[in-house]
Amino acid sequence: MRTSADRFAALLCLLCLVVEVQCDCTQTSIDIIGGSYTLTKNLEKGSLLVYHCPEGQYPYPTLTRLCQANGSWGPLPKKRPAQMCKRVTCPDPFVLENGNVSPAQENYFVGDETTYECYSGYTMRGSSSRICLPNGKWNGSTPICSRDSG
């Protein structure tokens, strides 16, 4: 439901388009669910809006928006989902040849740990566990299970 402030802001923006005057942007529809934002020049034309999220999350669908001369924030796609912080995920850990990876789960988020174990008769070379990092990658490298000699 539109408030009178929203209607006024929309009318002001229309005036900016018709008269080609420069308008400041408004704080309408710039919030982010689960995060915060900063502005480089308050609400003035040319101000860059930068979204921030807690560690292990990222701004979605966009990291930044720009206050345009007509008083609107760009980019603004037609069907723009609500701005929110989404959790960073790591890809499925590699299959361990001659061993198992646990736990098996649908998604791996920052801080999740996988454990590697070699089958009987095989020895592990490398770390027996890996952790999902804030950059969406696993730390270290996948260990190798090599056949015991003897």
C-alpha atoms as a PDB file:
ATOM      1  CA  MET A   1       0.000   0.000   0.000  1.00  0.00           C
ATOM      2  CA  ARG A   2       1.425   3.361  -1.030  1.00  0.00           C
ATOM      3  CA  THR A   3       1.759   6.072   1.554  1.00  0.00           C
ATOM      4  CA  SER A   4       1.346   9.749   0.795  1.00  0.00           C
ATOM      5  CA  ALA A   5       5.141  10.097   1.101  1.00  0.00           C
ATOM      6  CA  ASP A   6       5.587   7.415  -1.600  1.00  0.00           C
ATOM      7  CA  ARG A   7       3.077   9.181  -3.867  1.00  0.00           C
ATOM      8  CA  PHE A   8       4.835  12.501  -3.328  1.00  0.00           C
ATOM      9  CA  ALA A   9       8.229  10.945  -4.130  1.00  0.00           C
ATOM     10  CA  ALA A  10       6.798   9.376  -7.316  1.00  0.00           C
ATOM     11  CA  LEU A  11       5.253  12.699  -8.365  1.00  0.00           C
ATOM     12  CA  LEU A  12       8.531  14.467  -7.687  1.00  0.00           C
ATOM     13  CA  CYS A  13      10.395  11.932  -9.832  1.00  0.00           C
ATOM     14  CA  LEU A  14       7.898  12.409 -12.696  1.00  0.00           C
ATOM     15  CA  LEU A  15       8.487  16.137 -12.453  1.00  0.00           C
ATOM     16  CA  CYS A  16      12.226  15.474 -12.672  1.00  0.00           C
ATOM     17  CA  LEU A  17      11.735  13.467 -15.887  1.00  0.00           C
ATOM     18  CA  VAL A  18       9.443  16.016 -17.558  1.00  0.00           C
ATOM     19  CA  VAL A  19      11.281  19.208 -16.602  1.00  0.00           C
ATOM     20  CA  GLU A  20      14.749  17.608 -16.765  1.00  0.00           C
ATOM     21  CA  VAL A  21      15.826  19.060 -13.463  1.00  0.00           C
ATOM     22  CA  GLN A  22      18.163  17.214 -11.170  1.00  0.00           C
ATOM     23  CA  CYS A  23      16.515  15.524  -8.221  1.00  0.00           C
ATOM     24  CA  ASP A  24      17.914  13.869  -5.153  1.00  0.00           C
ATOM     25  CA  CYS A  25      17.109  10.213  -4.619  1.00  0.00           C
ATOM     26  CA  THR A  26      14.911   9.095  -1.730  1.00  0.00           C
ATOM     27  CA  GLN A  27      15.383   6.391   0.871  1.00  0.00           C
ATOM     28  CA  THR A  28      12.311   4.578  -0.451  1.00  0.00           C
ATOM     29  CA  SER A  29      12.986   0.941  -1.419  1.00  0.00           C
ATOM     30  CA  ILE A  30      16.720   0.890  -0.701  1.00  0.00           C
ATOM     31  CA  ASP A  31      16.737  -1.190   2.494  1.00  0.00           C
ATOM     32  CA  ILE A  32      18.360  -4.620   2.546  1.00  0.00           C
ATOM     33  CA  ILE A  33      16.942  -7.540   4.511  1.00  0.00           C
ATOM     34  CA  GLY A  34      19.557  -8.772   6.994  1.00  0.00           C
ATOM     35  CA  GLY A  35      22.147  -6.095   6.236  1.00  0.00           C
ATOM     36  CA  SER A  36      22.900  -2.396   5.971  1.00  0.00           C
ATOM     37  CA  TYR A  37      24.027   0.159   3.409  1.00  0.00           C
ATOM     38  CA  THR A  38      26.230   3.234   3.109  1.00  0.00           C
ATOM     39  CA  LEU A  39      25.904   6.238   0.788  1.00  0.00           C
ATOM     40  CA  THR A  40      28.901   8.104  -0.645  1.00  0.00           C
ATOM     41  CA  LYS A  41      27.093  11.462  -1.107  1.00  0.00           C
ATOM     42  CA  ASN A  42      23.957  11.133   1.021  1.00  0.00           C
ATOM     43  CA  LEU A  43      20.963  11.150  -1.366  1.00  0.00           C
ATOM     44  CA  GLU A  44      22.504  13.460  -3.999  1.00  0.00           C
ATOM     45  CA  LYS A  45      22.823  12.667  -7.709  1.00  0.00           C
ATOM     46  CA  GLY A  46      25.894  10.511  -8.297  1.00  0.00           C
ATOM     47  CA  SER A  47      25.828   9.008  -4.811  1.00  0.00           C
ATOM     48  CA  LEU A  48      26.817   5.366  -4.708  1.00  0.00           C
ATOM     49  CA  LEU A  49      24.767   3.114  -2.438  1.00  0.00           C
ATOM     50  CA  VAL A  50      26.835   0.142  -1.219  1.00  0.00           C
ATOM     51  CA  TYR A  51      25.156  -2.816   0.491  1.00  0.00           C
ATOM     52  CA  HIS A  52      26.845  -4.658   3.384  1.00  0.00           C
ATOM     53  CA  CYS A  53      26.080  -8.085   4.852  1.00  0.00           C
ATOM     54  CA  PRO A  54      27.429 -10.048   7.823  1.00  0.00           C
ATOM     55  CA  GLU A  55      30.385 -12.374   7.215  1.00  0.00           C
ATOM     56  CA  GLY A  56      29.351 -15.502   5.361  1.00  0.00           C
ATOM     57  CA  GLN A  57      26.653 -13.628   3.419  1.00  0.00           C
ATOM     58  CA  TYR A  58      26.548 -11.421   0.328  1.00  0.00           C
ATOM     59  CA  PRO A  59      24.194  -8.719  -1.027  1.00  0.00           C
ATOM     60  CA  TYR A  60      21.659 -10.047  -3.567  1.00  0.00           C
ATOM     61  CA  PRO A  61      20.688  -9.208  -6.295  1.00  0.00           C
ATOM     62  CA  THR A  62      23.185  -6.326  -6.475  1.00  0.00           C
ATOM     63  CA  LEU A  63      26.121  -4.972  -4.467  1.00  0.00           C
ATOM     64  CA  THR A  64      25.716  -1.305  -5.456  1.00  0.00           C
ATOM     65  CA  ARG A  65      23.205   1.171  -6.884  1.00  0.00           C
ATOM     66  CA  LEU A  66      23.721   4.694  -8.245  1.00  0.00           C
ATOM     67  CA  CYS A  67      21.559   7.790  -7.646  1.00  0.00           C
ATOM     68  CA  GLN A  68      20.656   8.980 -11.141  1.00  0.00           C
ATOM     69  CA  ALA A  69      19.833  12.529 -12.289  1.00  0.00           C
ATOM     70  CA  ASN A  70      16.100  11.760 -12.433  1.00  0.00           C
ATOM     71  CA  GLY A  71      16.049  10.852  -8.735  1.00  0.00           C
ATOM     72  CA  SER A  72      15.882   7.084  -9.182  1.00  0.00           C
ATOM     73  CA  TRP A  73      18.314   4.424  -8.016  1.00  0.00           C
ATOM     74  CA  GLY A  74      19.816   2.347 -10.807  1.00  0.00           C
ATOM     75  CA  PRO A  75      20.057  -0.352 -11.878  1.00  0.00           C
ATOM     76  CA  LEU A  76      16.394  -1.141 -11.424  1.00  0.00           C
ATOM     77  CA  PRO A  77      15.294  -4.168 -13.476  1.00  0.00           C
ATOM     78  CA  LYS A  78      11.571  -4.567 -14.122  1.00  0.00           C
ATOM     79  CA  LYS A  79      11.142  -7.581 -11.835  1.00  0.00           C
ATOM     80  CA  ARG A  80      13.666  -6.829  -9.135  1.00  0.00           C
ATOM     81  CA  PRO A  81      13.547  -9.176  -6.126  1.00  0.00           C
ATOM     82  CA  ALA A  82      13.808  -7.672  -2.655  1.00  0.00           C
ATOM     83  CA  GLN A  83      17.384  -6.715  -1.758  1.00  0.00           C
ATOM     84  CA  MET A  84      18.631  -9.203   0.838  1.00  0.00           C
ATOM     85  CA  CYS A  85      21.673 -10.853   2.327  1.00  0.00           C
ATOM     86  CA  LYS A  86      22.093 -14.424   1.075  1.00  0.00           C
ATOM     87  CA  ARG A  87      24.307 -17.077   2.617  1.00  0.00           C
ATOM     88  CA  VAL A  88      27.536 -17.920   0.792  1.00  0.00           C
ATOM     89  CA  THR A  89      27.650 -21.569  -0.266  1.00  0.00           C
ATOM     90  CA  CYS A  90      30.577 -23.793  -1.179  1.00  0.00           C
ATOM     91  CA  PRO A  91      30.300 -26.348  -3.997  1.00  0.00           C
ATOM     92  CA  ASP A  92      29.865 -30.014  -3.185  1.00  0.00           C
ATOM     93  CA  PRO A  93      33.193 -31.400  -1.964  1.00  0.00           C
ATOM     94  CA  PHE A  94      34.965 -33.555  -4.500  1.00  0.00           C
ATOM     95  CA  VAL A  95      34.282 -37.280  -4.429  1.00  0.00           C
ATOM     96  CA  LEU A  96      37.118 -38.990  -2.608  1.00  0.00           C
ATOM     97  CA  GLU A  97      38.443 -41.872  -4.662  1.00  0.00           C
ATOM     98  CA  ASN A  98      38.881 -44.912  -2.373  1.00  0.00           C
ATOM     99  CA  GLY A  99      37.194 -43.133   0.521  1.00  0.00           C
ATOM    100  CA  ASN A 100      34.165 -41.280   1.882  1.00  0.00           C
ATOM    101  CA  VAL A 101      33.254 -37.642   2.474  1.00  0.00           C
ATOM    102  CA  SER A 102      30.846 -36.723   5.266  1.00  0.00           C
ATOM    103  CA  PRO A 103      28.420 -35.282   6.050  1.00  0.00           C
ATOM    104  CA  ALA A 104      26.556 -35.561   2.758  1.00  0.00           C
ATOM    105  CA  GLN A 105      24.229 -32.575   2.570  1.00  0.00           C
ATOM    106  CA  GLU A 106      22.402 -30.511  -0.036  1.00  0.00           C
ATOM    107  CA  ASN A 107      24.122 -27.186   0.760  1.00  0.00           C
ATOM    108  CA  TYR A 108      27.409 -26.332   2.415  1.00  0.00           C
ATOM    109  CA  PHE A 109      27.574 -22.913   4.086  1.00  0.00           C
ATOM    110  CA  VAL A 110      30.448 -20.840   5.497  1.00  0.00           C
ATOM    111  CA  GLY A 111      31.913 -22.613   8.522  1.00  0.00           C
ATOM    112  CA  ASP A 112      30.599 -26.063   7.538  1.00  0.00           C
ATOM    113  CA  GLU A 113      33.224 -28.786   7.800  1.00  0.00           C
ATOM    114  CA  THR A 114      33.620 -31.957   5.752  1.00  0.00           C
ATOM    115  CA  THR A 115      35.522 -34.982   6.970  1.00  0.00           C
ATOM    116  CA  TYR A 116      37.404 -37.405   4.726  1.00  0.00           C
ATOM    117  CA  GLU A 117      38.054 -41.061   5.516  1.00  0.00           C
ATOM    118  CA  CYS A 118      39.898 -43.667   3.462  1.00  0.00           C
ATOM    119  CA  TYR A 119      38.654 -47.219   2.939  1.00  0.00           C
ATOM    120  CA  SER A 120      40.415 -50.051   4.739  1.00  0.00           C
ATOM    121  CA  GLY A 121      43.735 -50.817   3.072  1.00  0.00           C
ATOM    122  CA  TYR A 122      44.264 -47.176   2.028  1.00  0.00           C
ATOM    123  CA  THR A 123      46.263 -44.372   3.658  1.00  0.00           C
ATOM    124  CA  MET A 124      45.283 -40.709   3.578  1.00  0.00           C
ATOM    125  CA  ARG A 125      47.696 -38.118   2.222  1.00  0.00           C
ATOM    126  CA  GLY A 126      46.606 -34.617   3.158  1.00  0.00           C
ATOM    127  CA  SER A 127      44.159 -33.168   5.649  1.00  0.00           C
ATOM    128  CA  SER A 128      41.236 -35.266   6.881  1.00  0.00           C
ATOM    129  CA  SER A 129      38.894 -32.241   6.977  1.00  0.00           C
ATOM    130  CA  ARG A 130      38.103 -29.040   5.070  1.00  0.00           C
ATOM    131  CA  ILE A 131      36.089 -25.933   5.990  1.00  0.00           C
ATOM    132  CA  CYS A 132      33.838 -23.790   3.770  1.00  0.00           C
ATOM    133  CA  LEU A 133      35.337 -20.263   3.672  1.00  0.00           C
ATOM    134  CA  PRO A 134      33.592 -16.851   3.308  1.00  0.00           C
ATOM    135  CA  ASN A 135      34.797 -16.649  -0.325  1.00  0.00           C
ATOM    136  CA  GLY A 136      32.721 -19.746  -1.230  1.00  0.00           C
ATOM    137  CA  LYS A 137      35.757 -22.047  -1.532  1.00  0.00           C
ATOM    138  CA  TRP A 138      37.008 -24.924   0.588  1.00  0.00           C
ATOM    139  CA  ASN A 139      40.251 -24.439   2.509  1.00  0.00           C
ATOM    140  CA  GLY A 140      43.177 -26.678   1.593  1.00  0.00           C
ATOM    141  CA  SER A 141      42.884 -29.359  -1.041  1.00  0.00           C
ATOM    142  CA  THR A 142      41.094 -32.671  -1.345  1.00  0.00           C
ATOM    143  CA  PRO A 143      43.194 -35.427   0.272  1.00  0.00           C
ATOM    144  CA  ILE A 144      44.250 -38.560  -1.592  1.00  0.00           C
ATOM    145  CA  CYS A 145      43.709 -42.149  -0.452  1.00  0.00           C
ATOM    146  CA  SER A 146      46.539 -44.348  -1.695  1.00  0.00           C
ATOM    147  CA  ARG A 147      46.784 -48.108  -1.382  1.00  0.00           C
ATOM    148  CA  ASP A 148      48.880 -49.321   1.522  1.00  0.00           C
ATOM    149  CA  SER A 149      52.105 -50.947   0.353  1.00  0.00           C
ATOM    150  CA  GLY A 150      53.078 -54.269   1.689  1.00  0.00           C
END
